[in-house]
Amino acid sequence: MTGTAPVRVTVVGYASLDSSTSVSEFRGVDATSILERALVSAEPGVGGIAHIVSAIAGTPAAVEAISWVADDLPGRRWAESVARCAGIRGVARSGTRSPAATMIEIGSGGTICLFDPGDCHPDALTDEQREIVTEGDWLLLTVAPRRITEQILDALPDSARLVWAVKHDDDAYTPEMVARILARADVVSFSRGERPYVTLDRRPPESLVRPGALVVETRGADGVAWSFASPDGAARPGSIAVEPVEAEDTTGAGDTFVGALVGFLSDAVGPHSALASLDDEEVGRLVAGASTAAGELLRRRTATGPPVADPTATAPTAPGRPADASQPAEGPAHLKEKH
């Protein structure tokens, strides 16, 4: 894409200020589980779509955020952080309380997410948000208010590419919406634990997307697998191995993976070329680059000490050596899979 205008990528989803902690063993409801570090950070991390936006900003693509915050101190902090690496014309402000989340990672695998959506989400897209949706080349959709997601899908031009970064959230998606998004998507990315969520009527997502769509599944320390959907059912599969990364807090690794992958893919094929035109070696290189970006996020966080870092302070590197991609593996020596 050298010498051409950068591809315009729009990211839609919740803002959030995040705190995280972990337990070696979750003992269930009405029982006591022991925290391994403080539950509330002195300064919660900049989360929500910020990790995705930051990862795309480290690629040649131009990125614009669509999200919602209140006109409070956390909301202003979130918007100022995201503005360091992306356009924020699409960040609407209303209400008195910005979204926040607490993640509790469980030593045996999995994460509990407690999300406070705040009171800043309207019933409709603003005119400026709708304009951004219609003007972009690629749109990366992650979890957002259901009514907003429906409006995004209605407004998205046929010429735009749609990427779904899957989040298991029954408040955000009905089965009918899941089917609609899969049928429209050009790229779908999910963790191994999320596969049942995008398997409808026993049909896997690879059979629910349109021909030529790219389906990516992260498998923790077992690597990353993908396939291009084919109209004759003969999917074109591929996979890479990854290097596990030890980290106490894995917040944002999956979002960094999908953000970097979309940035690299959009640069490789531009706004119009078919994704399936990429050969297997090139796809592997781009997936490896996204995996490396996720690993670098965790290594920086481990080196600098804070439990949750501001992802907009640094950006991922170009495609390179594969590191643990997005959703790492079971066992105390590896990252735990997160949904």
Protein backbone atom coordinates (compact mmCIF):
# COMPACT_ATOMS: atom_id res chain seq x y z
CA MET A 1 0.00 0.00 0.00
CA THR A 2 3.06 2.26 -0.14
CA GLY A 3 2.31 5.63 -1.75
CA THR A 4 -1.46 5.43 -1.21
CA ALA A 5 -3.68 6.96 1.45
CA PRO A 6 -3.91 4.86 4.62
CA VAL A 7 -6.90 2.58 4.99
CA ARG A 8 -9.47 4.08 7.39
CA VAL A 9 -10.43 1.73 10.23
CA THR A 10 -13.29 2.57 12.60
CA VAL A 11 -13.48 0.83 15.99
CA VAL A 12 -16.86 0.66 17.74
CA GLY A 13 -17.35 -0.45 21.33
CA TYR A 14 -17.53 0.41 25.00
CA ALA A 15 -15.06 2.65 26.78
CA SER A 16 -13.96 1.49 30.21
CA LEU A 17 -11.63 2.27 33.08
CA ASP A 18 -10.33 -1.10 34.26
CA SER A 19 -9.13 -2.64 37.49
CA SER A 20 -8.01 -6.25 37.72
CA THR A 21 -7.08 -8.85 40.26
CA SER A 22 -6.73 -12.63 40.41
CA VAL A 23 -7.53 -15.64 42.56
CA SER A 24 -5.67 -18.93 42.48
CA GLU A 25 -8.96 -20.71 43.10
CA PHE A 26 -12.53 -19.45 42.69
CA ARG A 27 -14.55 -21.27 45.35
CA GLY A 28 -17.97 -20.30 44.06
CA VAL A 29 -20.93 -18.28 45.28
CA ASP A 30 -21.31 -17.92 49.08
CA ALA A 31 -17.71 -19.03 49.59
CA THR A 32 -14.51 -17.07 50.19
CA SER A 33 -11.90 -16.77 47.41
CA ILE A 34 -8.55 -15.17 48.29
CA LEU A 35 -7.32 -12.29 46.11
CA GLU A 36 -3.70 -12.39 45.02
CA ARG A 37 -3.42 -8.61 44.55
CA ALA A 38 -5.41 -5.50 45.39
CA LEU A 39 -8.90 -5.44 43.91
CA VAL A 40 -8.96 -1.76 42.97
CA SER A 41 -6.03 -0.07 41.24
CA ALA A 42 -4.87 3.32 42.55
CA GLU A 43 -5.40 4.54 38.98
CA PRO A 44 -7.60 2.22 36.89
CA GLY A 45 -6.27 1.37 33.46
CA VAL A 46 -7.58 2.79 30.20
CA GLY A 47 -9.60 -0.11 28.78
CA GLY A 48 -12.59 -0.89 26.61
CA ILE A 49 -11.69 -0.36 22.94
CA ALA A 50 -8.52 1.53 23.89
CA HIS A 51 -6.32 -1.57 23.49
CA ILE A 52 -7.74 -2.26 20.02
CA VAL A 53 -7.35 1.36 18.93
CA SER A 54 -3.78 1.53 20.22
CA ALA A 55 -2.81 -1.65 18.39
CA ILE A 56 -4.23 -0.41 15.08
CA ALA A 57 -2.40 2.89 15.57
CA GLY A 58 0.88 0.96 15.52
CA THR A 59 0.16 -0.15 11.93
CA PRO A 60 -0.11 1.96 8.74
CA ALA A 61 -3.92 2.25 9.07
CA ALA A 62 -5.68 5.43 10.18
CA VAL A 63 -8.03 4.74 13.09
CA GLU A 64 -11.13 6.46 14.45
CA ALA A 65 -12.93 5.53 17.68
CA ILE A 66 -16.68 5.41 18.26
CA SER A 67 -17.55 5.13 21.93
CA TRP A 68 -19.30 6.82 24.86
CA VAL A 69 -18.12 8.43 28.10
CA ALA A 70 -19.58 10.82 30.66
CA ASP A 71 -18.30 14.31 31.25
CA ASP A 72 -16.49 13.19 34.42
CA LEU A 73 -12.83 12.84 35.31
CA PRO A 74 -12.54 9.15 34.25
CA GLY A 75 -14.29 9.92 30.94
CA ARG A 76 -12.02 12.84 30.21
CA ARG A 77 -8.97 10.74 31.07
CA TRP A 78 -10.14 7.95 28.77
CA ALA A 79 -10.80 10.29 25.83
CA GLU A 80 -7.50 12.14 26.29
CA SER A 81 -5.59 8.85 26.30
CA VAL A 82 -7.31 7.53 23.16
CA ALA A 83 -6.78 10.87 21.40
CA ARG A 84 -3.01 10.26 21.57
CA CYS A 85 -3.33 7.56 18.92
CA ALA A 86 -6.73 7.90 17.21
CA GLY A 87 -9.42 10.28 16.08
CA ILE A 88 -12.10 10.82 18.72
CA ARG A 89 -14.75 12.71 16.73
CA GLY A 90 -16.92 9.67 17.36
CA VAL A 91 -16.52 9.67 21.15
CA ALA A 92 -19.82 11.05 22.47
CA ARG A 93 -20.11 12.55 25.96
CA SER A 94 -23.23 12.57 28.11
CA GLY A 95 -24.37 11.55 31.57
CA THR A 96 -22.49 11.67 34.86
CA ARG A 97 -20.73 8.28 35.17
CA SER A 98 -18.31 6.69 32.70
CA PRO A 99 -18.07 2.89 32.27
CA ALA A 100 -15.74 0.85 34.48
CA ALA A 101 -14.83 -2.81 34.79
CA THR A 102 -13.19 -5.17 37.26
CA MET A 103 -11.60 -8.34 35.92
CA ILE A 104 -10.92 -11.29 38.21
CA GLU A 105 -8.62 -13.88 36.63
CA ILE A 106 -8.94 -17.42 37.94
CA GLY A 107 -5.85 -19.57 38.29
CA SER A 108 -7.56 -22.67 36.88
CA GLY A 109 -8.56 -20.71 33.75
CA GLY A 110 -11.12 -18.10 32.78
CA THR A 111 -11.98 -14.58 33.87
CA ILE A 112 -14.91 -13.01 35.69
CA CYS A 113 -15.75 -9.57 34.26
CA LEU A 114 -17.87 -7.19 36.33
CA PHE A 115 -18.90 -4.30 34.08
CA ASP A 116 -20.53 -1.04 35.12
CA PRO A 117 -21.82 0.63 31.92
CA GLY A 118 -22.33 3.97 33.64
CA ASP A 119 -25.11 6.27 32.44
CA CYS A 120 -23.59 7.72 29.27
CA HIS A 121 -25.08 5.53 26.52
CA PRO A 122 -27.81 7.08 24.34
CA ASP A 123 -30.44 5.26 22.32
CA ALA A 124 -29.01 6.22 18.93
CA LEU A 125 -25.84 7.04 17.05
CA THR A 126 -25.04 10.72 16.77
CA ASP A 127 -24.97 12.25 13.30
CA GLU A 128 -21.19 12.43 13.46
CA GLN A 129 -20.88 8.78 14.51
CA ARG A 130 -23.13 7.71 11.66
CA GLU A 131 -21.02 9.74 9.23
CA ILE A 132 -17.83 8.05 10.44
CA VAL A 133 -19.44 4.62 9.97
CA THR A 134 -20.42 5.40 6.39
CA GLU A 135 -17.05 6.91 5.44
CA GLY A 136 -14.65 4.26 6.77
CA ASP A 137 -13.05 1.45 4.76
CA TRP A 138 -13.00 -1.13 7.58
CA LEU A 139 -15.16 -1.29 10.70
CA LEU A 140 -14.12 -3.33 13.72
CA LEU A 141 -17.11 -4.10 15.90
CA THR A 142 -16.80 -5.26 19.46
CA VAL A 143 -19.25 -5.27 22.35
CA ALA A 144 -21.49 -2.18 22.50
CA PRO A 145 -25.12 -1.44 23.45
CA ARG A 146 -27.39 -3.74 21.46
CA ARG A 147 -29.46 -0.92 19.94
CA ILE A 148 -26.26 0.80 18.77
CA THR A 149 -24.93 -2.40 17.21
CA GLU A 150 -28.16 -2.78 15.24
CA GLN A 151 -27.84 0.79 13.95
CA ILE A 152 -24.21 0.21 13.00
CA LEU A 153 -25.16 -2.81 10.92
CA ASP A 154 -27.99 -0.87 9.26
CA ALA A 155 -25.72 2.08 8.41
CA LEU A 156 -22.62 0.14 7.28
CA PRO A 157 -22.13 0.45 3.50
CA ASP A 158 -21.84 -2.73 1.45
CA SER A 159 -18.39 -1.57 0.35
CA ALA A 160 -16.99 -1.49 3.90
CA ARG A 161 -15.32 -4.49 5.46
CA LEU A 162 -16.72 -5.68 8.79
CA VAL A 163 -14.57 -7.31 11.49
CA TRP A 164 -16.21 -8.84 14.55
CA ALA A 165 -14.04 -9.12 17.65
CA VAL A 166 -16.26 -11.59 19.48
CA LYS A 167 -17.20 -10.97 23.11
CA HIS A 168 -19.52 -13.38 24.90
CA ASP A 169 -22.20 -10.95 26.10
CA ASP A 170 -25.84 -12.00 26.04
CA ASP A 171 -26.96 -8.45 26.86
CA ALA A 172 -25.25 -7.15 23.72
CA TYR A 173 -26.18 -9.94 21.27
CA THR A 174 -29.18 -12.14 20.61
CA PRO A 175 -28.70 -15.36 18.60
CA GLU A 176 -30.35 -13.58 15.68
CA MET A 177 -27.80 -10.75 15.89
CA VAL A 178 -24.94 -13.23 16.10
CA ALA A 179 -26.21 -14.85 12.89
CA ARG A 180 -26.59 -11.46 11.20
CA ILE A 181 -23.08 -10.33 12.13
CA LEU A 182 -21.50 -13.61 11.03
CA ALA A 183 -23.30 -13.46 7.68
CA ARG A 184 -21.99 -9.92 7.06
CA ALA A 185 -18.48 -10.20 8.51
CA ASP A 186 -15.27 -10.33 6.47
CA VAL A 187 -13.18 -11.29 9.53
CA VAL A 188 -14.30 -12.98 12.76
CA SER A 189 -11.89 -13.42 15.67
CA PHE A 190 -12.60 -15.31 18.89
CA SER A 191 -10.87 -17.32 21.59
CA ARG A 192 -11.16 -21.09 21.84
CA GLY A 193 -13.53 -20.70 24.79
CA GLU A 194 -15.83 -18.45 22.73
CA ARG A 195 -16.33 -20.95 19.90
CA PRO A 196 -19.61 -22.31 21.37
CA TYR A 197 -20.97 -18.75 21.42
CA VAL A 198 -20.59 -18.41 17.64
CA THR A 199 -21.75 -21.97 16.88
CA LEU A 200 -25.45 -21.76 16.00
CA ASP A 201 -27.72 -24.79 15.60
CA ARG A 202 -24.56 -26.94 15.75
CA ARG A 203 -23.16 -25.12 12.75
CA PRO A 204 -19.62 -23.77 13.27
CA PRO A 205 -18.85 -20.14 12.41
CA GLU A 206 -16.83 -21.22 9.37
CA SER A 207 -20.10 -22.38 7.77
CA LEU A 208 -22.05 -19.26 8.79
CA VAL A 209 -19.82 -16.57 7.29
CA ARG A 210 -19.83 -15.61 3.64
CA PRO A 211 -17.35 -17.12 1.16
CA GLY A 212 -13.86 -15.70 1.46
CA ALA A 213 -14.32 -14.52 5.06
CA LEU A 214 -11.43 -15.12 7.45
CA VAL A 215 -12.21 -16.93 10.72
CA VAL A 216 -9.50 -16.72 13.40
CA GLU A 217 -9.41 -18.73 16.63
CA THR A 218 -6.82 -18.05 19.34
CA ARG A 219 -5.89 -21.10 21.40
CA GLY A 220 -3.61 -19.78 24.08
CA ALA A 221 -0.26 -21.51 24.26
CA ASP A 222 -1.56 -23.94 21.62
CA GLY A 223 -1.26 -21.20 19.01
CA VAL A 224 -3.61 -19.52 16.56
CA ALA A 225 -5.68 -21.24 13.87
CA TRP A 226 -7.57 -19.70 10.97
CA SER A 227 -9.47 -20.60 7.83
CA PHE A 228 -10.96 -18.88 4.81
CA ALA A 229 -14.57 -19.87 4.21
CA SER A 230 -15.26 -21.48 0.87
CA PRO A 231 -18.59 -21.76 -0.98
CA ASP A 232 -17.94 -25.47 -1.57
CA GLY A 233 -17.29 -26.10 2.12
CA ALA A 234 -13.60 -26.83 1.55
CA ALA A 235 -12.17 -24.26 3.97
CA ARG A 236 -8.53 -23.16 3.54
CA PRO A 237 -7.00 -23.69 6.99
CA GLY A 238 -3.76 -22.50 8.55
CA SER A 239 -2.13 -22.18 11.96
CA ILE A 240 0.95 -20.96 13.79
CA ALA A 241 2.63 -21.92 17.04
CA VAL A 242 3.29 -19.26 19.67
CA GLU A 243 5.71 -18.61 22.48
CA PRO A 244 3.92 -18.48 25.86
CA VAL A 245 4.43 -15.34 27.95
CA GLU A 246 4.29 -15.38 31.74
CA ALA A 247 2.26 -12.43 33.05
CA GLU A 248 0.26 -11.62 36.16
CA ASP A 249 -2.32 -9.49 34.34
CA THR A 250 -3.43 -10.40 30.81
CA THR A 251 -5.94 -7.55 30.40
CA GLY A 252 -6.03 -6.29 26.82
CA ALA A 253 -3.91 -9.02 25.21
CA GLY A 254 -6.79 -10.36 23.12
CA ASP A 255 -7.85 -6.87 22.04
CA THR A 256 -4.26 -6.03 21.12
CA PHE A 257 -4.10 -9.17 19.00
CA VAL A 258 -7.24 -8.43 16.99
CA GLY A 259 -6.41 -4.72 16.65
CA ALA A 260 -2.94 -5.40 15.31
CA LEU A 261 -4.26 -8.14 13.01
CA VAL A 262 -6.86 -5.80 11.48
CA GLY A 263 -4.26 -3.07 11.02
CA PHE A 264 -1.88 -5.45 9.26
CA LEU A 265 -4.64 -7.04 7.14
CA SER A 266 -6.08 -3.70 6.07
CA ASP A 267 -2.64 -2.52 4.98
CA ALA A 268 -1.97 -5.76 3.10
CA VAL A 269 -5.18 -5.82 1.03
CA GLY A 270 -6.40 -2.23 1.21
CA PRO A 271 -10.08 -1.34 1.11
CA HIS A 272 -11.07 -3.51 -1.84
CA SER A 273 -8.83 -6.53 -2.56
CA ALA A 274 -10.12 -9.93 -1.47
CA LEU A 275 -8.72 -11.24 1.80
CA ALA A 276 -8.48 -14.69 0.27
CA SER A 277 -6.00 -13.29 -2.26
CA LEU A 278 -3.37 -13.44 0.51
CA ASP A 279 -1.29 -16.59 0.35
CA ASP A 280 -0.82 -18.85 3.37
CA GLU A 281 2.67 -17.57 4.12
CA GLU A 282 1.52 -13.95 4.19
CA VAL A 283 -1.47 -14.71 6.43
CA GLY A 284 0.84 -16.57 8.80
CA ARG A 285 3.21 -13.60 8.91
CA LEU A 286 0.40 -11.16 9.70
CA VAL A 287 -1.08 -13.40 12.40
CA ALA A 288 2.40 -13.82 13.88
CA GLY A 289 2.82 -10.05 13.94
CA ALA A 290 -0.46 -9.65 15.82
CA SER A 291 0.60 -12.35 18.26
CA THR A 292 3.90 -10.56 18.82
CA ALA A 293 2.06 -7.30 19.54
CA ALA A 294 0.00 -9.03 22.25
CA GLY A 295 3.12 -10.58 23.75
CA GLU A 296 4.93 -7.24 23.77
CA LEU A 297 2.05 -5.61 25.66
CA LEU A 298 2.39 -8.20 28.41
CA ARG A 299 6.18 -8.04 28.53
CA ARG A 300 6.09 -4.25 28.88
CA ARG A 301 3.53 -4.50 31.65
CA THR A 302 5.56 -7.14 33.50
CA ALA A 303 8.71 -5.01 33.19
CA THR A 304 7.11 -1.76 34.35
CA GLY A 305 5.15 -3.20 37.23
CA PRO A 306 1.63 -1.65 37.18
CA PRO A 307 -1.15 -4.27 37.13
CA VAL A 308 -3.00 -2.47 34.31
CA ALA A 309 -1.14 -0.13 31.93
CA ASP A 310 -2.37 2.59 29.59
CA PRO A 311 -2.24 0.88 26.17
CA THR A 312 -2.13 4.19 24.30
CA ALA A 313 1.30 5.06 25.71
CA THR A 314 3.05 2.63 23.34
CA ALA A 315 2.21 0.83 20.11
CA PRO A 316 2.84 -2.66 18.67
CA THR A 317 5.67 -3.48 16.31
CA ALA A 318 5.40 -4.65 12.72
CA PRO A 319 4.81 -8.34 11.94
CA GLY A 320 7.55 -10.56 13.28
CA ARG A 321 8.31 -13.44 15.60
CA PRO A 322 5.17 -15.03 17.07
CA ALA A 323 4.57 -14.54 20.77
CA ASP A 324 1.63 -15.73 22.84
CA ALA A 325 -1.36 -14.52 20.89
CA SER A 326 -4.26 -12.90 22.62
CA GLN A 327 -5.79 -15.72 24.64
CA PRO A 328 -3.10 -17.75 26.39
CA ALA A 329 -3.12 -21.16 27.90
CA GLU A 330 -4.00 -23.14 30.95
CA GLY A 331 -1.53 -23.80 33.75
CA PRO A 332 0.39 -21.65 36.22
CA ALA A 333 3.36 -21.10 33.93
CA HIS A 334 1.25 -19.64 31.13
CA LEU A 335 -1.34 -16.98 30.60
CA LYS A 336 -4.91 -18.05 31.27
CA GLU A 337 -7.51 -18.09 28.52
CA LYS A 338 -9.82 -15.11 28.73
CA HIS A 339 -13.18 -14.68 27.05
